[in-house]
C-alpha atoms as a PDB file:
ATOM      1  CA  UNK A   1     120.573  69.849 110.299  1.00  0.00           C
ATOM      2  CA  UNK A   2     117.709  71.697 109.136  1.00  0.00           C
ATOM      3  CA  UNK A   3     116.818  75.158 110.718  1.00  0.00           C
ATOM      4  CA  UNK A   4     120.410  75.966 111.173  1.00  0.00           C
ATOM      5  CA  UNK A   5     122.255  78.998 109.561  1.00  0.00           C
ATOM      6  CA  UNK A   6     124.444  76.615 107.482  1.00  0.00           C
ATOM      7  CA  UNK A   7     126.187  78.238 104.494  1.00  0.00           C
ATOM      8  CA  UNK A   8     128.056  77.715 101.367  1.00  0.00           C
ATOM      9  CA  UNK A   9     127.341  75.281  98.774  1.00  0.00           C
ATOM     10  CA  UNK A  10     126.642  71.410  98.949  1.00  0.00           C
ATOM     11  CA  UNK A  11     130.120  69.821  98.416  1.00  0.00           C
ATOM     12  CA  UNK A  12     130.104  67.239  95.656  1.00  0.00           C
ATOM     13  CA  UNK A  13     131.529  64.436  98.049  1.00  0.00           C
ATOM     14  CA  UNK A  14     127.835  64.161  99.305  1.00  0.00           C
ATOM     15  CA  UNK A  15     127.561  61.373  96.925  1.00  0.00           C
ATOM     16  CA  UNK A  16     130.144  59.241  98.594  1.00  0.00           C
ATOM     17  CA  UNK A  17     127.625  58.959 101.771  1.00  0.00           C
ATOM     18  CA  UNK A  18     125.545  56.568  99.798  1.00  0.00           C
ATOM     19  CA  UNK A  19     123.961  54.880 102.846  1.00  0.00           C
ATOM     20  CA  UNK A  20     121.928  58.063 103.536  1.00  0.00           C
ATOM     21  CA  UNK A  21     118.441  57.394 103.836  1.00  0.00           C
ATOM     22  CA  UNK A  22     117.381  60.895 105.137  1.00  0.00           C
ATOM     23  CA  UNK A  23     118.711  64.222 104.266  1.00  0.00           C
ATOM     24  CA  UNK A  24     117.450  67.472 106.311  1.00  0.00           C
ATOM     25  CA  UNK A  25     118.927  70.546 105.107  1.00  0.00           C
ATOM     26  CA  UNK A  26     115.958  72.848 105.016  1.00  0.00           C
ATOM     27  CA  UNK A  27     115.728  76.235 106.497  1.00  0.00           C
ATOM     28  CA  UNK A  28     119.478  77.197 106.140  1.00  0.00           C
ATOM     29  CA  UNK A  29     121.332  79.589 104.177  1.00  0.00           C
ATOM     30  CA  UNK A  30     122.923  77.230 101.396  1.00  0.00           C
ATOM     31  CA  UNK A  31     123.915  78.587  97.858  1.00  0.00           C
ATOM     32  CA  UNK A  32     125.230  77.248  94.618  1.00  0.00           C
ATOM     33  CA  UNK A  33     123.556  74.463  92.381  1.00  0.00           C
ATOM     34  CA  UNK A  34     122.658  70.981  93.479  1.00  0.00           C
ATOM     35  CA  UNK A  35     125.647  68.631  92.911  1.00  0.00           C
ATOM     36  CA  UNK A  36     124.798  66.124  90.107  1.00  0.00           C
ATOM     37  CA  UNK A  37     126.590  63.528  92.829  1.00  0.00           C
ATOM     38  CA  UNK A  38     123.308  63.642  94.681  1.00  0.00           C
ATOM     39  CA  UNK A  39     122.205  60.955  92.387  1.00  0.00           C
ATOM     40  CA  UNK A  40     124.586  58.374  94.078  1.00  0.00           C
ATOM     41  CA  UNK A  41     122.423  58.745  97.160  1.00  0.00           C
ATOM     42  CA  UNK A  42     120.279  55.541  96.051  1.00  0.00           C
ATOM     43  CA  UNK A  43     118.976  54.610  99.256  1.00  0.00           C
ATOM     44  CA  UNK A  44     117.815  58.094 100.137  1.00  0.00           C
ATOM     45  CA  UNK A  45     113.977  58.263 101.091  1.00  0.00           C
ATOM     46  CA  UNK A  46     113.428  61.796 102.297  1.00  0.00           C
ATOM     47  CA  UNK A  47     115.159  64.582 100.791  1.00  0.00           C
ATOM     48  CA  UNK A  48     114.597  68.184 102.300  1.00  0.00           C
ATOM     49  CA  UNK A  49     116.429  71.123 100.831  1.00  0.00           C
ATOM     50  CA  UNK A  50     113.458  73.660 101.157  1.00  0.00           C
ATOM     51  CA  UNK A  51     114.171  77.386 102.438  1.00  0.00           C
ATOM     52  CA  UNK A  52     117.398  78.028 101.208  1.00  0.00           C
ATOM     53  CA  UNK A  53     119.020  79.809  98.138  1.00  0.00           C
ATOM     54  CA  UNK A  54     120.080  77.005  95.925  1.00  0.00           C
ATOM     55  CA  UNK A  55     120.146  77.799  91.948  1.00  0.00           C
ATOM     56  CA  UNK A  56     120.756  76.395  88.669  1.00  0.00           C
ATOM     57  CA  UNK A  57     118.860  73.619  87.069  1.00  0.00           C
ATOM     58  CA  UNK A  58     117.469  70.351  89.044  1.00  0.00           C
ATOM     59  CA  UNK A  59     119.970  67.742  88.032  1.00  0.00           C
ATOM     60  CA  UNK A  60     118.716  65.078  85.895  1.00  0.00           C
ATOM     61  CA  UNK A  61     120.664  62.430  88.090  1.00  0.00           C
ATOM     62  CA  UNK A  62     117.962  63.158  90.601  1.00  0.00           C
ATOM     63  CA  UNK A  63     116.072  60.387  88.823  1.00  0.00           C
ATOM     64  CA  UNK A  64     118.335  57.612  90.228  1.00  0.00           C
ATOM     65  CA  UNK A  65     116.618  57.983  93.734  1.00  0.00           C
ATOM     66  CA  UNK A  66     114.221  55.230  92.879  1.00  0.00           C
ATOM     67  CA  UNK A  67     113.457  54.983  96.620  1.00  0.00           C
ATOM     68  CA  UNK A  68     112.653  58.662  97.096  1.00  0.00           C
ATOM     69  CA  UNK A  69     109.178  58.956  98.976  1.00  0.00           C
ATOM     70  CA  UNK A  70     109.483  62.929 100.045  1.00  0.00           C
ATOM     71  CA  UNK A  71     111.027  65.460  97.854  1.00  0.00           C
ATOM     72  CA  UNK A  72     110.999  68.991  99.116  1.00  0.00           C
ATOM     73  CA  UNK A  73     112.979  71.919  97.124  1.00  0.00           C
ATOM     74  CA  UNK A  74     110.519  74.621  97.476  1.00  0.00           C
ATOM     75  CA  UNK A  75     111.508  78.020  98.363  1.00  0.00           C
ATOM     76  CA  UNK A  76     114.667  78.306  96.224  1.00  0.00           C
ATOM     77  CA  UNK A  77     115.749  79.861  93.020  1.00  0.00           C
ATOM     78  CA  UNK A  78     115.785  76.766  90.732  1.00  0.00           C
ATOM     79  CA  UNK A  79     115.453  77.463  87.286  1.00  0.00           C
ATOM     80  CA  UNK A  80     114.728  75.409  83.914  1.00  0.00           C
ATOM     81  CA  UNK A  81     112.470  72.603  83.544  1.00  0.00           C
ATOM     82  CA  UNK A  82     111.463  69.773  85.761  1.00  0.00           C
ATOM     83  CA  UNK A  83     113.621  66.888  85.246  1.00  0.00           C
ATOM     84  CA  UNK A  84     111.557  63.937  83.269  1.00  0.00           C
ATOM     85  CA  UNK A  85     113.696  61.676  85.165  1.00  0.00           C
ATOM     86  CA  UNK A  86     111.852  62.106  88.205  1.00  0.00           C
ATOM     87  CA  UNK A  87     109.353  59.726  86.660  1.00  0.00           C
ATOM     88  CA  UNK A  88     111.818  56.751  87.867  1.00  0.00           C
ATOM     89  CA  UNK A  89     110.801  57.955  91.583  1.00  0.00           C
ATOM     90  CA  UNK A  90     107.568  55.906  91.367  1.00  0.00           C
ATOM     91  CA  UNK A  91     107.061  55.503  95.207  1.00  0.00           C
ATOM     92  CA  UNK A  92     107.163  59.398  95.489  1.00  0.00           C
ATOM     93  CA  UNK A  93     104.237  60.490  97.879  1.00  0.00           C
ATOM     94  CA  UNK A  94     104.808  64.205  98.287  1.00  0.00           C
ATOM     95  CA  UNK A  95     106.753  66.299  95.629  1.00  0.00           C
ATOM     96  CA  UNK A  96     107.092  69.860  96.417  1.00  0.00           C
ATOM     97  CA  UNK A  97     108.936  72.308  93.948  1.00  0.00           C
ATOM     98  CA  UNK A  98     106.838  75.252  94.882  1.00  0.00           C
ATOM     99  CA  UNK A  99     108.162  78.860  94.880  1.00  0.00           C
ATOM    100  CA  UNK A 100     110.986  78.648  92.433  1.00  0.00           C
ATOM    101  CA  UNK A 101     111.739  79.877  88.832  1.00  0.00           C
ATOM    102  CA  UNK A 102     110.930  76.633  86.872  1.00  0.00           C
ATOM    103  CA  UNK A 103     109.296  77.014  83.380  1.00  0.00           C
ATOM    104  CA  UNK A 104     108.424  74.819  80.435  1.00  0.00           C
ATOM    105  CA  UNK A 105     105.743  72.220  80.376  1.00  0.00           C
ATOM    106  CA  UNK A 106     104.881  69.207  82.751  1.00  0.00           C
ATOM    107  CA  UNK A 107     105.295  66.156  80.568  1.00  0.00           C
ATOM    108  CA  UNK A 108     102.305  63.844  80.910  1.00  0.00           C
ATOM    109  CA  UNK A 109     104.787  60.840  81.482  1.00  0.00           C
ATOM    110  CA  UNK A 110     105.917  62.499  84.457  1.00  0.00           C
ATOM    111  CA  UNK A 111     102.977  62.846  86.527  1.00  0.00           C
ATOM    112  CA  UNK A 112     101.329  59.777  85.071  1.00  0.00           C
ATOM    113  CA  UNK A 113     104.364  57.890  86.988  1.00  0.00           C
ATOM    114  CA  UNK A 114     103.417  58.918  90.274  1.00  0.00           C
ATOM    115  CA  UNK A 115     100.507  56.607  91.071  1.00  0.00           C
ATOM    116  CA  UNK A 116     101.307  56.761  94.929  1.00  0.00           C
ATOM    117  CA  UNK A 117     101.340  60.479  94.968  1.00  0.00           C
ATOM    118  CA  UNK A 118      99.449  62.295  97.802  1.00  0.00           C
ATOM    119  CA  UNK A 119     100.646  65.769  97.622  1.00  0.00           C
ATOM    120  CA  UNK A 120     101.820  67.725  94.537  1.00  0.00           C
ATOM    121  CA  UNK A 121     102.811  71.357  94.794  1.00  0.00           C
ATOM    122  CA  UNK A 122     104.242  73.137  91.775  1.00  0.00           C
ATOM    123  CA  UNK A 123     102.583  76.793  92.620  1.00  0.00           C
ATOM    124  CA  UNK A 124     104.452  80.012  92.137  1.00  0.00           C
ATOM    125  CA  UNK A 125     106.674  79.079  89.291  1.00  0.00           C
ATOM    126  CA  UNK A 126     106.537  79.931  85.589  1.00  0.00           C
ATOM    127  CA  UNK A 127     105.151  76.553  84.332  1.00  0.00           C
ATOM    128  CA  UNK A 128     103.295  76.915  80.880  1.00  0.00           C
ATOM    129  CA  UNK A 129     101.280  74.658  78.462  1.00  0.00           C
ATOM    130  CA  UNK A 130      98.390  72.532  79.142  1.00  0.00           C
ATOM    131  CA  UNK A 131      98.135  70.838  82.392  1.00  0.00           C
ATOM    132  CA  UNK A 132      98.648  67.200  81.912  1.00  0.00           C
ATOM    133  CA  UNK A 133      95.705  65.094  81.802  1.00  0.00           C
ATOM    134  CA  UNK A 134      97.441  62.076  83.200  1.00  0.00           C
ATOM    135  CA  UNK A 135      97.484  63.571  86.688  1.00  0.00           C
ATOM    136  CA  UNK A 136      94.308  61.128  86.954  1.00  0.00           C
ATOM    137  CA  UNK A 137      96.571  58.236  87.308  1.00  0.00           C
ATOM    138  CA  UNK A 138      97.485  59.837  90.673  1.00  0.00           C
ATOM    139  CA  UNK A 139      94.406  57.910  92.268  1.00  0.00           C
ATOM    140  CA  UNK A 140      95.487  58.654  95.782  1.00  0.00           C
ATOM    141  CA  UNK A 141      96.344  62.178  95.280  1.00  0.00           C
ATOM    142  CA  UNK A 142      94.773  64.277  97.955  1.00  0.00           C
ATOM    143  CA  UNK A 143      96.307  67.826  97.671  1.00  0.00           C
ATOM    144  CA  UNK A 144      97.082  69.648  94.191  1.00  0.00           C
ATOM    145  CA  UNK A 145      98.446  73.125  93.736  1.00  0.00           C
ATOM    146  CA  UNK A 146      99.342  74.502  90.625  1.00  0.00           C
ATOM    147  CA  UNK A 147      98.227  77.969  91.249  1.00  0.00           C
ATOM    148  CA  UNK A 148     100.346  81.048  90.263  1.00  0.00           C
ATOM    149  CA  UNK A 149     101.883  79.827  87.242  1.00  0.00           C
ATOM    150  CA  UNK A 150     101.140  80.145  83.298  1.00  0.00           C
ATOM    151  CA  UNK A 151      99.162  77.231  82.499  1.00  0.00           C
ATOM    152  CA  UNK A 152      96.684  77.519  79.632  1.00  0.00           C
ATOM    153  CA  UNK A 153      93.884  75.588  77.709  1.00  0.00           C
ATOM    154  CA  UNK A 154      91.045  73.950  79.315  1.00  0.00           C
ATOM    155  CA  UNK A 155      91.267  72.260  82.957  1.00  0.00           C
ATOM    156  CA  UNK A 156      91.303  68.539  82.299  1.00  0.00           C
ATOM    157  CA  UNK A 157      88.267  66.779  83.047  1.00  0.00           C
ATOM    158  CA  UNK A 158      90.268  63.681  84.281  1.00  0.00           C
ATOM    159  CA  UNK A 159      90.669  65.810  87.757  1.00  0.00           C
ATOM    160  CA  UNK A 160      86.918  64.261  88.418  1.00  0.00           C
ATOM    161  CA  UNK A 161      88.596  60.872  88.244  1.00  0.00           C
ATOM    162  CA  UNK A 162      90.704  61.460  91.361  1.00  0.00           C
ATOM    163  CA  UNK A 163      87.977  60.566  94.305  1.00  0.00           C
ATOM    164  CA  UNK A 164      90.440  61.377  97.111  1.00  0.00           C
ATOM    165  CA  UNK A 165      91.333  64.586  96.022  1.00  0.00           C
ATOM    166  CA  UNK A 166      90.600  67.263  98.853  1.00  0.00           C
ATOM    167  CA  UNK A 167      92.350  70.362  98.123  1.00  0.00           C
ATOM    168  CA  UNK A 168      92.609  71.898  94.566  1.00  0.00           C
ATOM    169  CA  UNK A 169      94.307  75.273  93.768  1.00  0.00           C
ATOM    170  CA  UNK A 170      94.526  76.225  90.211  1.00  0.00           C
ATOM    171  CA  UNK A 171      94.023  80.212  90.503  1.00  0.00           C
ATOM    172  CA  UNK A 172      96.067  82.729  88.813  1.00  0.00           C
ATOM    173  CA  UNK A 173      96.949  80.691  85.690  1.00  0.00           C
ATOM    174  CA  UNK A 174      95.407  81.472  82.040  1.00  0.00           C
ATOM    175  CA  UNK A 175      92.977  78.405  81.970  1.00  0.00           C
ATOM    176  CA  UNK A 176      90.250  78.759  79.388  1.00  0.00           C
ATOM    177  CA  UNK A 177      86.970  77.234  78.766  1.00  0.00           C
ATOM    178  CA  UNK A 178      84.292  75.838  81.148  1.00  0.00           C
ATOM    179  CA  UNK A 179      84.394  74.080  84.503  1.00  0.00           C
ATOM    180  CA  UNK A 180      84.297  70.474  83.582  1.00  0.00           C
ATOM    181  CA  UNK A 181      81.371  69.011  84.943  1.00  0.00           C
ATOM    182  CA  UNK A 182      83.534  65.760  86.319  1.00  0.00           C
ATOM    183  CA  UNK A 183      84.534  67.970  88.922  1.00  0.00           C
ATOM    184  CA  UNK A 184      81.198  67.711  90.244  1.00  0.00           C
ATOM    185  CA  UNK A 185      81.857  64.103  91.305  1.00  0.00           C
ATOM    186  CA  UNK A 186      84.295  65.236  93.780  1.00  0.00           C
ATOM    187  CA  UNK A 187      82.812  65.420  97.243  1.00  0.00           C
ATOM    188  CA  UNK A 188      84.379  67.709  99.911  1.00  0.00           C
ATOM    189  CA  UNK A 189      86.830  69.027  97.732  1.00  0.00           C
ATOM    190  CA  UNK A 190      88.209  72.522  99.520  1.00  0.00           C
ATOM    191  CA  UNK A 191      88.715  75.268  96.769  1.00  0.00           C
ATOM    192  CA  UNK A 192      90.640  78.353  97.247  1.00  0.00           C
ATOM    193  CA  UNK A 193      88.712  81.476  98.449  1.00  0.00           C
ATOM    194  CA  UNK A 194      88.254  84.455  96.350  1.00  0.00           C
ATOM    195  CA  UNK A 195      91.005  86.430  98.054  1.00  0.00           C
ATOM    196  CA  UNK A 196      93.446  86.957  95.348  1.00  0.00           C
ATOM    197  CA  UNK A 197      91.457  88.921  92.769  1.00  0.00           C
ATOM    198  CA  UNK A 198      93.065  91.069  90.353  1.00  0.00           C
ATOM    199  CA  UNK A 199      92.983  94.571  91.169  1.00  0.00           C
ATOM    200  CA  UNK A 200      90.194  96.750  89.621  1.00  0.00           C
ATOM    201  CA  UNK A 201      90.006 100.206  88.513  1.00  0.00           C
ATOM    202  CA  UNK A 202      88.872 102.755  91.257  1.00  0.00           C
ATOM    203  CA  UNK A 203      89.210 102.600  94.926  1.00  0.00           C
ATOM    204  CA  UNK A 204      88.445  99.637  96.953  1.00  0.00           C
ATOM    205  CA  UNK A 205      85.721  99.693  99.666  1.00  0.00           C
ATOM    206  CA  UNK A 206      88.463 100.051 102.316  1.00  0.00           C
ATOM    207  CA  UNK A 207      90.121 102.987 100.477  1.00  0.00           C
ATOM    208  CA  UNK A 208      86.551 104.874 100.575  1.00  0.00           C
ATOM    209  CA  UNK A 209      85.966 103.979 103.991  1.00  0.00           C
ATOM    210  CA  UNK A 210      89.412 105.685 105.022  1.00  0.00           C
ATOM    211  CA  UNK A 211      88.713 108.484 103.053  1.00  0.00           C
ATOM    212  CA  UNK A 212      85.400 109.307 104.504  1.00  0.00           C
ATOM    213  CA  UNK A 213      86.643 108.899 108.004  1.00  0.00           C
ATOM    214  CA  UNK A 214      89.547 111.291 107.054  1.00  0.00           C
ATOM    215  CA  UNK A 215      87.243 113.962 105.856  1.00  0.00           C
ATOM    216  CA  UNK A 216      84.798 113.657 108.650  1.00  0.00           C
ATOM    217  CA  UNK A 217      87.801 114.041 111.173  1.00  0.00           C
ATOM    218  CA  UNK A 218      89.348 117.203 109.322  1.00  0.00           C
ATOM    219  CA  UNK A 219      85.696 118.825 109.263  1.00  0.00           C
ATOM    220  CA  UNK A 220      85.389 118.583 112.930  1.00  0.00           C
ATOM    221  CA  UNK A 221      88.790 119.781 113.404  1.00  0.00           C
ATOM    222  CA  UNK A 222      88.033 123.063 111.143  1.00  0.00           C
ATOM    223  CA  UNK A 223      84.517 123.562 112.784  1.00  0.00           C
ATOM    224  CA  UNK A 224      86.203 123.398 116.190  1.00  0.00           C
ATOM    225  CA  UNK A 225      88.757 125.917 115.350  1.00  0.00           C
ATOM    226  CA  UNK A 226      86.403 128.184 113.736  1.00  0.00           C
ATOM    227  CA  UNK A 227      84.467 127.999 117.033  1.00  0.00           C
ATOM    228  CA  UNK A 228      87.715 128.993 119.180  1.00  0.00           C
ATOM    229  CA  UNK A 229      88.423 131.906 116.648  1.00  0.00           C
ATOM    230  CA  UNK A 230      84.914 133.121 116.931  1.00  0.00           C
ATOM    231  CA  UNK A 231      84.987 133.084 120.654  1.00  0.00           C
ATOM    232  CA  UNK A 232      88.293 134.651 120.948  1.00  0.00           C
ATOM    233  CA  UNK A 233      87.002 137.579 118.788  1.00  0.00           C
ATOM    234  CA  UNK A 234      83.896 138.020 120.651  1.00  0.00           C
ATOM    235  CA  UNK A 235      85.843 138.340 123.854  1.00  0.00           C
ATOM    236  CA  UNK A 236      87.808 141.042 122.072  1.00  0.00           C
ATOM    237  CA  UNK A 237      84.743 142.992 120.926  1.00  0.00           C
ATOM    238  CA  UNK A 238      83.340 142.522 124.482  1.00  0.00           C
ATOM    239  CA  UNK A 239      86.513 143.967 126.323  1.00  0.00           C
ATOM    240  CA  UNK A 240      86.832 146.899 123.685  1.00  0.00           C
ATOM    241  CA  UNK A 241      83.288 147.970 123.930  1.00  0.00           C
ATOM    242  CA  UNK A 242      83.587 147.783 127.789  1.00  0.00           C
ATOM    243  CA  UNK A 243      86.564 149.984 127.537  1.00  0.00           C
ATOM    244  CA  UNK A 244      84.905 152.239 125.146  1.00  0.00           C
ATOM    245  CA  UNK A 245      81.983 152.648 127.492  1.00  0.00           C
ATOM    246  CA  UNK A 246      84.268 153.515 130.672  1.00  0.00           C
ATOM    247  CA  UNK A 247      85.986 155.987 128.609  1.00  0.00           C
ATOM    248  CA  UNK A 248      83.215 158.239 127.955  1.00  0.00           C
ATOM    249  CA  UNK A 249      82.315 161.189 130.232  1.00  0.00           C
ATOM    250  CA  UNK A 250      78.888 160.901 131.526  1.00  0.00           C
ATOM    251  CA  UNK A 251      76.950 164.027 133.086  1.00  0.00           C
ATOM    252  CA  UNK A 252      73.409 163.530 134.523  1.00  0.00           C
ATOM    253  CA  UNK A 253      70.770 166.376 133.836  1.00  0.00           C
ATOM    254  CA  UNK A 254      70.903 167.827 137.360  1.00  0.00           C
ATOM    255  CA  UNK A 255      74.571 168.118 137.434  1.00  0.00           C
ATOM    256  CA  UNK A 256      74.414 170.191 134.307  1.00  0.00           C
ATOM    257  CA  UNK A 257      71.562 172.231 135.872  1.00  0.00           C
ATOM    258  CA  UNK A 258      73.822 172.877 139.081  1.00  0.00           C
ATOM    259  CA  UNK A 259      76.945 173.531 137.065  1.00  0.00           C
ATOM    260  CA  UNK A 260      75.386 176.414 134.768  1.00  0.00           C
ATOM    261  CA  UNK A 261      73.339 178.094 137.402  1.00  0.00           C
ATOM    262  CA  UNK A 262      70.167 177.074 135.991  1.00  0.00           C
ATOM    263  CA  UNK A 263      71.500 177.735 132.641  1.00  0.00           C
ATOM    264  CA  UNK A 264      72.367 181.340 133.447  1.00  0.00           C
ATOM    265  CA  UNK A 265      73.190 183.553 130.889  1.00  0.00           C
ATOM    266  CA  UNK A 266      76.448 184.374 132.328  1.00  0.00           C
ATOM    267  CA  UNK A 267      77.836 181.102 131.160  1.00  0.00           C
ATOM    268  CA  UNK A 268      77.159 181.465 127.464  1.00  0.00           C
ATOM    269  CA  UNK A 269      80.089 181.675 125.351  1.00  0.00           C
ATOM    270  CA  UNK A 270      78.176 182.657 122.267  1.00  0.00           C
ATOM    271  CA  UNK A 271      75.815 181.626 119.644  1.00  0.00           C
ATOM    272  CA  UNK A 272      75.902 178.970 116.918  1.00  0.00           C
ATOM    273  CA  UNK A 273      73.659 177.795 114.067  1.00  0.00           C
ATOM    274  CA  UNK A 274      71.901 175.299 116.381  1.00  0.00           C
ATOM    275  CA  UNK A 275      71.407 177.776 119.617  1.00  0.00           C
ATOM    276  CA  UNK A 276      73.486 179.005 122.524  1.00  0.00           C
ATOM    277  CA  UNK A 277      76.950 177.690 123.565  1.00  0.00           C
ATOM    278  CA  UNK A 278      77.805 177.636 126.990  1.00  0.00           C
ATOM    279  CA  UNK A 279      80.075 176.021 129.706  1.00  0.00           C
ATOM    280  CA  UNK A 280      79.475 174.942 133.183  1.00  0.00           C
ATOM    281  CA  UNK A 281      82.183 175.405 135.382  1.00  0.00           C
ATOM    282  CA  UNK A 282      80.837 175.748 138.748  1.00  0.00           C
ATOM    283  CA  UNK A 283      80.533 171.941 139.339  1.00  0.00           C
ATOM    284  CA  UNK A 284      83.793 170.141 140.072  1.00  0.00           C
ATOM    285  CA  UNK A 285      83.997 166.918 138.129  1.00  0.00           C
ATOM    286  CA  UNK A 286      85.889 163.595 139.668  1.00  0.00           C
ATOM    287  CA  UNK A 287      89.428 163.217 138.090  1.00  0.00           C
ATOM    288  CA  UNK A 288      88.628 159.760 137.497  1.00  0.00           C
ATOM    289  CA  UNK A 289      85.877 160.876 135.345  1.00  0.00           C
ATOM    290  CA  UNK A 290      87.857 163.346 132.964  1.00  0.00           C
ATOM    291  CA  UNK A 291      90.484 165.624 132.957  1.00  0.00           C
ATOM    292  CA  UNK A 292      89.322 169.237 133.771  1.00  0.00           C
ATOM    293  CA  UNK A 293      92.228 170.842 132.504  1.00  0.00           C
ATOM    294  CA  UNK A 294      91.725 169.525 128.938  1.00  0.00           C
ATOM    295  CA  UNK A 295      88.235 170.475 128.736  1.00  0.00           C
ATOM    296  CA  UNK A 296      88.954 174.219 130.176  1.00  0.00           C
ATOM    297  CA  UNK A 297      91.433 174.381 127.352  1.00  0.00           C
ATOM    298  CA  UNK A 298      89.208 173.112 124.721  1.00  0.00           C
ATOM    299  CA  UNK A 299      86.255 175.587 125.845  1.00  0.00           C
ATOM    300  CA  UNK A 300      88.607 178.582 125.983  1.00  0.00           C
ATOM    301  CA  UNK A 301      89.588 177.476 122.342  1.00  0.00           C
ATOM    302  CA  UNK A 302      86.214 177.438 121.411  1.00  0.00           C
ATOM    303  CA  UNK A 303      85.339 180.939 123.075  1.00  0.00           C
ATOM    304  CA  UNK A 304      87.987 182.651 121.200  1.00  0.00           C
ATOM    305  CA  UNK A 305      86.857 181.433 117.802  1.00  0.00           C
ATOM    306  CA  UNK A 306      83.340 182.412 118.570  1.00  0.00           C
ATOM    307  CA  UNK A 307      84.594 185.972 119.580  1.00  0.00           C
ATOM    308  CA  UNK A 308      86.399 186.137 116.181  1.00  0.00           C
ATOM    309  CA  UNK A 309      83.472 185.135 114.252  1.00  0.00           C
ATOM    310  CA  UNK A 310      81.124 187.586 116.022  1.00  0.00           C
ATOM    311  CA  UNK A 311      83.549 190.515 115.612  1.00  0.00           C
END
């Protein structure tokens, strides 16, 4: 019945099905506590309650399952200590209690009883104290996961006596001392990669690369916008200069000579501080080049002022 959406709690009456040999209720939505009556299933060889929302303590009656070989209680919310009664399950080969909220110490008597153990996973809990040296009694142990706990003290040298050990994860604890030389006798053991290092102060290399790339992109955008603004302003200046030049009234020397009858004295309006002041009216200037009425009116005004000054 694993891998469904079965919810609710496990009924106490489950203990009455004493002929059960395998129970698969993993990957469901089960809640509540594991009933004490579970200890009545003495023929049980495989028991999988992983990936649920079970809470409370693991009942000590689970030690009555003396034929238990595979026990998966991982990925729940079990609390309290690992029941010492589990040592009665001497045929245990795979025990997974990871990803719970278990605390306290792991007694030597417990791990010493599992002489047939192949996989032991206690990772991601709150277990503390020294890791039991009697783990060396599990001569067939292949995989050991005790990472992400609060174990302290030294790493037991007895681990080097487990010749079959292939995977050893002990990271993210509070172990002290040196690495036991005995571990050098383990051939082909897989140690975890250093990918869970604690964060250091400062920026990581990935963050620095992202920041540098972002600054480069911003710089390119700013430069592009500046070039666009400069080109737009240059076009405006060019248009303004062109309009200014077109608005100027341009007269050639020959036109001036012809318009003033060879600079005749008859066209003089008077004298100024820099010489004679005159006007040329004998040549018609195209309308598109200037407004003749405005020129005539301005010249008459100048003539009137000169007459006043001379009088």
